Amino acid sequence: VDSSAVYVNASTRFTDGGQFGLGAEVAVSTQKLH
């Protein structure tokens, strides 16, 4: 599965800068460059 976030036995709701420990996120990118 070629997605920006792929989960095993976890909710998709975790795709979030705060949840990932990044602080507030500026966006979620689904592209591959940068």
PDB file of all heavy atoms in Angstrom:
ATOM      1  N   VAL A   1       0.847  -1.194   0.000  1.00  0.00           N
ATOM      2  CA  VAL A   1       0.000   0.000   0.000  1.00  0.00           C
ATOM      3  C   VAL A   1       0.882   1.244   0.000  1.00  0.00           C
ATOM      4  O   VAL A   1       1.663   1.479   0.928  1.00  0.00           O
ATOM      5  CB  VAL A   1      -0.950  -0.002   1.213  1.00  0.00           C
ATOM      6  CG1 VAL A   1      -1.711   1.316   1.298  1.00  0.00           C
ATOM      7  CG2 VAL A   1      -1.934  -1.167   1.100  1.00  0.00           C
ATOM      8  N   ASP A   2       0.747   2.049  -1.047  1.00  0.00           N
ATOM      9  CA  ASP A   2       1.641   3.193  -1.264  1.00  0.00           C
ATOM     10  C   ASP A   2       1.016   4.474  -0.718  1.00  0.00           C
ATOM     11  O   ASP A   2       0.730   5.418  -1.456  1.00  0.00           O
ATOM     12  CB  ASP A   2       1.930   3.321  -2.759  1.00  0.00           C
ATOM     13  CG  ASP A   2       3.001   4.350  -3.052  1.00  0.00           C
ATOM     14  OD1 ASP A   2       3.804   4.646  -2.145  1.00  0.00           O
ATOM     15  OD2 ASP A   2       3.033   4.876  -4.182  1.00  0.00           O
ATOM     16  N   SER A   3       0.791   4.528   0.587  1.00  0.00           N
ATOM     17  CA  SER A   3       0.207   5.705   1.217  1.00  0.00           C
ATOM     18  C   SER A   3       1.235   6.390   2.110  1.00  0.00           C
ATOM     19  O   SER A   3       2.233   5.780   2.500  1.00  0.00           O
ATOM     20  CB  SER A   3      -1.031   5.317   2.034  1.00  0.00           C
ATOM     21  OG  SER A   3      -2.034   4.804   1.188  1.00  0.00           O
ATOM     22  N   SER A   4       0.961   7.637   2.448  1.00  0.00           N
ATOM     23  CA  SER A   4       1.921   8.379   3.268  1.00  0.00           C
ATOM     24  C   SER A   4       1.981   7.831   4.687  1.00  0.00           C
ATOM     25  O   SER A   4       2.991   7.976   5.374  1.00  0.00           O
ATOM     26  CB  SER A   4       1.576   9.863   3.281  1.00  0.00           C
ATOM     27  OG  SER A   4       0.308  10.089   3.856  1.00  0.00           O
ATOM     28  N   ALA A   5       0.894   7.203   5.142  1.00  0.00           N
ATOM     29  CA  ALA A   5       0.896   6.536   6.445  1.00  0.00           C
ATOM     30  C   ALA A   5       0.126   5.225   6.316  1.00  0.00           C
ATOM     31  O   ALA A   5      -1.008   5.209   5.824  1.00  0.00           O
ATOM     32  CB  ALA A   5       0.259   7.413   7.515  1.00  0.00           C
ATOM     33  N   VAL A   6       0.737   4.140   6.739  1.00  0.00           N
ATOM     34  CA  VAL A   6       0.104   2.817   6.690  1.00  0.00           C
ATOM     35  C   VAL A   6       0.156   2.228   8.102  1.00  0.00           C
ATOM     36  O   VAL A   6       1.199   2.254   8.760  1.00  0.00           O
ATOM     37  CB  VAL A   6       0.827   1.881   5.700  1.00  0.00           C
ATOM     38  CG1 VAL A   6       0.107   0.538   5.616  1.00  0.00           C
ATOM     39  CG2 VAL A   6       0.901   2.515   4.313  1.00  0.00           C
ATOM     40  N   TYR A   7      -0.981   1.704   8.560  1.00  0.00           N
ATOM     41  CA  TYR A   7      -1.097   1.240   9.945  1.00  0.00           C
ATOM     42  C   TYR A   7      -1.402  -0.247  10.018  1.00  0.00           C
ATOM     43  O   TYR A   7      -2.133  -0.787   9.179  1.00  0.00           O
ATOM     44  CB  TYR A   7      -2.214   2.004  10.664  1.00  0.00           C
ATOM     45  CG  TYR A   7      -1.947   3.485  10.782  1.00  0.00           C
ATOM     46  CD1 TYR A   7      -2.476   4.387   9.853  1.00  0.00           C
ATOM     47  CD2 TYR A   7      -1.160   3.981  11.812  1.00  0.00           C
ATOM     48  CE1 TYR A   7      -2.221   5.744   9.947  1.00  0.00           C
ATOM     49  CE2 TYR A   7      -0.898   5.342  11.916  1.00  0.00           C
ATOM     50  CZ  TYR A   7      -1.428   6.220  10.991  1.00  0.00           C
ATOM     51  OH  TYR A   7      -1.168   7.552  11.083  1.00  0.00           O
ATOM     52  N   VAL A   8      -0.870  -0.874  11.054  1.00  0.00           N
ATOM     53  CA  VAL A   8      -1.187  -2.259  11.384  1.00  0.00           C
ATOM     54  C   VAL A   8      -1.847  -2.262  12.760  1.00  0.00           C
ATOM     55  O   VAL A   8      -1.249  -1.815  13.747  1.00  0.00           O
ATOM     56  CB  VAL A   8       0.076  -3.141  11.400  1.00  0.00           C
ATOM     57  CG1 VAL A   8      -0.282  -4.570  11.826  1.00  0.00           C
ATOM     58  CG2 VAL A   8       0.755  -3.146  10.036  1.00  0.00           C
ATOM     59  N   ASN A   9      -3.101  -2.693  12.798  1.00  0.00           N
ATOM     60  CA  ASN A   9      -3.861  -2.775  14.055  1.00  0.00           C
ATOM     61  C   ASN A   9      -3.894  -1.439  14.801  1.00  0.00           C
ATOM     62  O   ASN A   9      -3.685  -1.371  16.020  1.00  0.00           O
ATOM     63  CB  ASN A   9      -3.285  -3.880  14.962  1.00  0.00           C
ATOM     64  CG  ASN A   9      -3.400  -5.247  14.323  1.00  0.00           C
ATOM     65  OD1 ASN A   9      -4.350  -5.524  13.598  1.00  0.00           O
ATOM     66  ND2 ASN A   9      -2.418  -6.096  14.571  1.00  0.00           N
ATOM     67  N   ALA A  10      -4.140  -0.376  14.059  1.00  0.00           N
ATOM     68  CA  ALA A  10      -4.242   0.958  14.657  1.00  0.00           C
ATOM     69  C   ALA A  10      -5.181   1.816  13.812  1.00  0.00           C
ATOM     70  O   ALA A  10      -5.368   1.581  12.613  1.00  0.00           O
ATOM     71  CB  ALA A  10      -2.865   1.614  14.750  1.00  0.00           C
ATOM     72  N   SER A  11      -5.751   2.823  14.450  1.00  0.00           N
ATOM     73  CA  SER A  11      -6.687   3.722  13.796  1.00  0.00           C
ATOM     74  C   SER A  11      -5.975   4.677  12.841  1.00  0.00           C
ATOM     75  O   SER A  11      -4.869   5.150  13.128  1.00  0.00           O
ATOM     76  CB  SER A  11      -7.430   4.530  14.871  1.00  0.00           C
ATOM     77  OG  SER A  11      -8.142   5.600  14.315  1.00  0.00           O
ATOM     78  N   THR A  12      -6.634   4.978  11.728  1.00  0.00           N
ATOM     79  CA  THR A  12      -6.076   5.969  10.785  1.00  0.00           C
ATOM     80  C   THR A  12      -6.046   7.371  11.384  1.00  0.00           C
ATOM     81  O   THR A  12      -5.373   8.256  10.856  1.00  0.00           O
ATOM     82  CB  THR A  12      -6.907   6.006   9.489  1.00  0.00           C
ATOM     83  OG1 THR A  12      -8.285   6.285   9.813  1.00  0.00           O
ATOM     84  CG2 THR A  12      -6.817   4.694   8.739  1.00  0.00           C
ATOM     85  N   ARG A  13      -6.751   7.581  12.492  1.00  0.00           N
ATOM     86  CA  ARG A  13      -6.797   8.899  13.131  1.00  0.00           C
ATOM     87  C   ARG A  13      -5.441   9.354  13.673  1.00  0.00           C
ATOM     88  O   ARG A  13      -5.270  10.511  14.045  1.00  0.00           O
ATOM     89  CB  ARG A  13      -7.828   8.894  14.266  1.00  0.00           C
ATOM     90  CG  ARG A  13      -9.265   8.897  13.795  1.00  0.00           C
ATOM     91  CD  ARG A  13      -9.696  10.294  13.337  1.00  0.00           C
ATOM     92  NE  ARG A  13      -9.766  11.205  14.476  1.00  0.00           N
ATOM     93  CZ  ARG A  13      -9.155  12.380  14.537  1.00  0.00           C
ATOM     94  NH1 ARG A  13      -8.429  12.807  13.526  1.00  0.00           N
ATOM     95  NH2 ARG A  13      -9.275  13.140  15.616  1.00  0.00           N
ATOM     96  N   PHE A  14      -4.454   8.469  13.674  1.00  0.00           N
ATOM     97  CA  PHE A  14      -3.139   8.855  14.197  1.00  0.00           C
ATOM     98  C   PHE A  14      -2.334   9.720  13.228  1.00  0.00           C
ATOM     99  O   PHE A  14      -1.301  10.273  13.622  1.00  0.00           O
ATOM    100  CB  PHE A  14      -2.325   7.608  14.567  1.00  0.00           C
ATOM    101  CG  PHE A  14      -2.711   7.020  15.896  1.00  0.00           C
ATOM    102  CD1 PHE A  14      -3.533   5.902  15.958  1.00  0.00           C
ATOM    103  CD2 PHE A  14      -2.275   7.580  17.083  1.00  0.00           C
ATOM    104  CE1 PHE A  14      -3.900   5.351  17.179  1.00  0.00           C
ATOM    105  CE2 PHE A  14      -2.637   7.037  18.311  1.00  0.00           C
ATOM    106  CZ  PHE A  14      -3.454   5.929  18.358  1.00  0.00           C
ATOM    107  N   THR A  15      -2.756   9.838  11.980  1.00  0.00           N
ATOM    108  CA  THR A  15      -1.993  10.647  11.026  1.00  0.00           C
ATOM    109  C   THR A  15      -2.193  12.120  11.352  1.00  0.00           C
ATOM    110  O   THR A  15      -3.087  12.802  10.841  1.00  0.00           O
ATOM    111  CB  THR A  15      -2.426  10.359   9.574  1.00  0.00           C
ATOM    112  OG1 THR A  15      -2.380   8.956   9.341  1.00  0.00           O
ATOM    113  CG2 THR A  15      -1.510  11.057   8.586  1.00  0.00           C
ATOM    114  N   ASP A  16      -1.329  12.624  12.205  1.00  0.00           N
ATOM    115  CA  ASP A  16      -1.474  13.962  12.756  1.00  0.00           C
ATOM    116  C   ASP A  16      -0.123  14.382  13.329  1.00  0.00           C
ATOM    117  O   ASP A  16       0.540  13.585  13.989  1.00  0.00           O
ATOM    118  CB  ASP A  16      -2.549  13.931  13.854  1.00  0.00           C
ATOM    119  CG  ASP A  16      -2.661  15.227  14.612  1.00  0.00           C
ATOM    120  OD1 ASP A  16      -3.409  16.109  14.173  1.00  0.00           O
ATOM    121  OD2 ASP A  16      -1.985  15.365  15.651  1.00  0.00           O
ATOM    122  N   GLY A  17       0.273  15.623  13.060  1.00  0.00           N
ATOM    123  CA  GLY A  17       1.580  16.082  13.524  1.00  0.00           C
ATOM    124  C   GLY A  17       1.751  15.987  15.018  1.00  0.00           C
ATOM    125  O   GLY A  17       2.814  15.606  15.519  1.00  0.00           O
ATOM    126  N   GLY A  18       0.686  16.318  15.773  1.00  0.00           N
ATOM    127  CA  GLY A  18       0.765  16.231  17.230  1.00  0.00           C
ATOM    128  C   GLY A  18       0.945  14.802  17.692  1.00  0.00           C
ATOM    129  O   GLY A  18       1.775  14.498  18.553  1.00  0.00           O
ATOM    130  N   GLN A  19       0.162  13.872  17.096  1.00  0.00           N
ATOM    131  CA  GLN A  19       0.254  12.460  17.466  1.00  0.00           C
ATOM    132  C   GLN A  19       1.609  11.859  17.091  1.00  0.00           C
ATOM    133  O   GLN A  19       2.111  10.960  17.757  1.00  0.00           O
ATOM    134  CB  GLN A  19      -0.869  11.664  16.796  1.00  0.00           C
ATOM    135  CG  GLN A  19      -2.251  12.027  17.285  1.00  0.00           C
ATOM    136  CD  GLN A  19      -2.483  11.633  18.727  1.00  0.00           C
ATOM    137  OE1 GLN A  19      -2.109  10.555  19.159  1.00  0.00           O
ATOM    138  NE2 GLN A  19      -3.096  12.530  19.490  1.00  0.00           N
ATOM    139  N   PHE A  20       2.203  12.357  16.009  1.00  0.00           N
ATOM    140  CA  PHE A  20       3.502  11.845  15.561  1.00  0.00           C
ATOM    141  C   PHE A  20       4.673  12.482  16.317  1.00  0.00           C
ATOM    142  O   PHE A  20       5.827  12.163  16.049  1.00  0.00           O
ATOM    143  CB  PHE A  20       3.681  12.102  14.058  1.00  0.00           C
ATOM    144  CG  PHE A  20       2.998  11.091  13.163  1.00  0.00           C
ATOM    145  CD1 PHE A  20       1.969  10.299  13.619  1.00  0.00           C
ATOM    146  CD2 PHE A  20       3.388  10.946  11.836  1.00  0.00           C
ATOM    147  CE1 PHE A  20       1.334   9.378  12.798  1.00  0.00           C
ATOM    148  CE2 PHE A  20       2.763  10.029  11.000  1.00  0.00           C
ATOM    149  CZ  PHE A  20       1.739   9.242  11.478  1.00  0.00           C
ATOM    150  N   GLY A  21       4.368  13.401  17.244  1.00  0.00           N
ATOM    151  CA  GLY A  21       5.421  14.063  17.997  1.00  0.00           C
ATOM    152  C   GLY A  21       6.104  15.188  17.254  1.00  0.00           C
ATOM    153  O   GLY A  21       7.203  15.617  17.615  1.00  0.00           O
ATOM    154  N   LEU A  22       5.447  15.689  16.206  1.00  0.00           N
ATOM    155  CA  LEU A  22       6.025  16.778  15.410  1.00  0.00           C
ATOM    156  C   LEU A  22       5.578  18.148  15.889  1.00  0.00           C
ATOM    157  O   LEU A  22       6.021  19.161  15.363  1.00  0.00           O
ATOM    158  CB  LEU A  22       5.607  16.620  13.928  1.00  0.00           C
ATOM    159  CG  LEU A  22       5.898  15.281  13.257  1.00  0.00           C
ATOM    160  CD1 LEU A  22       5.358  15.268  11.843  1.00  0.00           C
ATOM    161  CD2 LEU A  22       7.397  15.003  13.261  1.00  0.00           C
ATOM    162  N   GLY A  23       4.668  18.198  16.875  1.00  0.00           N
ATOM    163  CA  GLY A  23       4.033  19.467  17.227  1.00  0.00           C
ATOM    164  C   GLY A  23       2.873  19.683  16.283  1.00  0.00           C
ATOM    165  O   GLY A  23       2.394  18.769  15.622  1.00  0.00           O
ATOM    166  N   ALA A  24       2.397  20.904  16.207  1.00  0.00           N
ATOM    167  CA  ALA A  24       1.314  21.215  15.266  1.00  0.00           C
ATOM    168  C   ALA A  24       1.812  21.022  13.839  1.00  0.00           C
ATOM    169  O   ALA A  24       2.943  21.361  13.519  1.00  0.00           O
ATOM    170  CB  ALA A  24       0.854  22.661  15.478  1.00  0.00           C
ATOM    171  N   GLU A  25       0.978  20.442  12.986  1.00  0.00           N
ATOM    172  CA  GLU A  25       1.398  20.196  11.614  1.00  0.00           C
ATOM    173  C   GLU A  25       0.949  21.333  10.707  1.00  0.00           C
ATOM    174  O   GLU A  25      -0.070  21.982  10.955  1.00  0.00           O
ATOM    175  CB  GLU A  25       0.817  18.877  11.108  1.00  0.00           C
ATOM    176  CG  GLU A  25      -0.684  18.955  10.871  1.00  0.00           C
ATOM    177  CD  GLU A  25      -1.323  17.616  10.586  1.00  0.00           C
ATOM    178  OE1 GLU A  25      -0.761  16.586  10.978  1.00  0.00           O
ATOM    179  OE2 GLU A  25      -2.416  17.611  10.000  1.00  0.00           O
ATOM    180  N   VAL A  26       1.709  21.545   9.642  1.00  0.00           N
ATOM    181  CA  VAL A  26       1.325  22.567   8.675  1.00  0.00           C
ATOM    182  C   VAL A  26       0.401  21.966   7.611  1.00  0.00           C
ATOM    183  O   VAL A  26      -0.413  22.661   7.015  1.00  0.00           O
ATOM    184  CB  VAL A  26       2.575  23.218   8.041  1.00  0.00           C
ATOM    185  CG1 VAL A  26       3.310  22.252   7.149  1.00  0.00           C
ATOM    186  CG2 VAL A  26       2.227  24.475   7.277  1.00  0.00           C
ATOM    187  N   ALA A  27       0.498  20.670   7.383  1.00  0.00           N
ATOM    188  CA  ALA A  27      -0.355  19.976   6.407  1.00  0.00           C
ATOM    189  C   ALA A  27       0.002  18.495   6.448  1.00  0.00           C
ATOM    190  O   ALA A  27       0.973  18.094   7.095  1.00  0.00           O
ATOM    191  CB  ALA A  27      -0.132  20.532   4.995  1.00  0.00           C
ATOM    192  N   VAL A  28      -0.793  17.692   5.746  1.00  0.00           N
ATOM    193  CA  VAL A  28      -0.440  16.292   5.495  1.00  0.00           C
ATOM    194  C   VAL A  28      -0.193  16.168   3.997  1.00  0.00           C
ATOM    195  O   VAL A  28      -1.097  16.388   3.188  1.00  0.00           O
ATOM    196  CB  VAL A  28      -1.558  15.328   5.930  1.00  0.00           C
ATOM    197  CG1 VAL A  28      -1.212  13.892   5.535  1.00  0.00           C
ATOM    198  CG2 VAL A  28      -1.795  15.409   7.430  1.00  0.00           C
ATOM    199  N   SER A  29       1.027  15.850   3.637  1.00  0.00           N
ATOM    200  CA  SER A  29       1.385  15.725   2.225  1.00  0.00           C
ATOM    201  C   SER A  29       1.170  14.291   1.762  1.00  0.00           C
ATOM    202  O   SER A  29       1.596  13.345   2.428  1.00  0.00           O
ATOM    203  CB  SER A  29       2.845  16.120   2.015  1.00  0.00           C
ATOM    204  OG  SER A  29       3.281  15.753   0.720  1.00  0.00           O
ATOM    205  N   THR A  30       0.524  14.137   0.607  1.00  0.00           N
ATOM    206  CA  THR A  30       0.362  12.803   0.033  1.00  0.00           C
ATOM    207  C   THR A  30       1.233  12.627  -1.211  1.00  0.00           C
ATOM    208  O   THR A  30       1.104  11.638  -1.918  1.00  0.00           O
ATOM    209  CB  THR A  30      -1.117  12.535  -0.326  1.00  0.00           C
ATOM    210  OG1 THR A  30      -1.585  13.566  -1.184  1.00  0.00           O
ATOM    211  CG2 THR A  30      -1.974  12.494   0.923  1.00  0.00           C
ATOM    212  N   GLN A  31       2.105  13.602  -1.462  1.00  0.00           N
ATOM    213  CA  GLN A  31       3.032  13.456  -2.572  1.00  0.00           C
ATOM    214  C   GLN A  31       4.351  12.898  -2.054  1.00  0.00           C
ATOM    215  O   GLN A  31       4.499  12.618  -0.868  1.00  0.00           O
ATOM    216  CB  GLN A  31       3.238  14.790  -3.280  1.00  0.00           C
ATOM    217  CG  GLN A  31       3.869  15.877  -2.423  1.00  0.00           C
ATOM    218  CD  GLN A  31       3.867  17.221  -3.122  1.00  0.00           C
ATOM    219  OE1 GLN A  31       2.882  17.640  -3.713  1.00  0.00           O
ATOM    220  NE2 GLN A  31       4.976  17.923  -3.042  1.00  0.00           N
ATOM    221  N   LYS A  32       5.314  12.716  -2.955  1.00  0.00           N
ATOM    222  CA  LYS A  32       6.535  12.017  -2.564  1.00  0.00           C
ATOM    223  C   LYS A  32       7.764  12.913  -2.534  1.00  0.00           C
ATOM    224  O   LYS A  32       8.759  12.561  -1.899  1.00  0.00           O
ATOM    225  CB  LYS A  32       6.778  10.837  -3.506  1.00  0.00           C
ATOM    226  CG  LYS A  32       5.669   9.798  -3.439  1.00  0.00           C
ATOM    227  CD  LYS A  32       5.944   8.627  -4.339  1.00  0.00           C
ATOM    228  CE  LYS A  32       4.796   7.628  -4.278  1.00  0.00           C
ATOM    229  NZ  LYS A  32       5.032   6.451  -5.135  1.00  0.00           N
ATOM    230  N   LEU A  33       7.726  14.040  -3.218  1.00  0.00           N
ATOM    231  CA  LEU A  33       8.887  14.914  -3.239  1.00  0.00           C
ATOM    232  C   LEU A  33       8.817  15.935  -2.119  1.00  0.00           C
ATOM    233  O   LEU A  33       7.750  16.457  -1.791  1.00  0.00           O
ATOM    234  CB  LEU A  33       9.000  15.614  -4.596  1.00  0.00           C
ATOM    235  CG  LEU A  33       9.297  14.706  -5.789  1.00  0.00           C
ATOM    236  CD1 LEU A  33       9.392  15.517  -7.069  1.00  0.00           C
ATOM    237  CD2 LEU A  33      10.586  13.924  -5.581  1.00  0.00           C
ATOM    238  N   HIS A  34       9.926  16.241  -1.547  1.00  0.00           N
ATOM    239  CA  HIS A  34      10.156  17.199  -0.460  1.00  0.00           C
ATOM    240  C   HIS A  34       9.592  16.719   0.872  1.00  0.00           C
ATOM    241  O   HIS A  34      10.317  16.641   1.845  1.00  0.00           O
ATOM    242  CB  HIS A  34       9.619  18.601  -0.771  1.00  0.00           C
ATOM    243  CG  HIS A  34       9.899  19.575   0.340  1.00  0.00           C
ATOM    244  ND1 HIS A  34      11.170  20.012   0.597  1.00  0.00           N
ATOM    245  CD2 HIS A  34       9.108  20.135   1.285  1.00  0.00           C
ATOM    246  CE1 HIS A  34      11.144  20.817   1.659  1.00  0.00           C
ATOM    247  NE2 HIS A  34       9.914  20.909   2.090  1.00  0.00           N
TER     248      HIS A  34
END
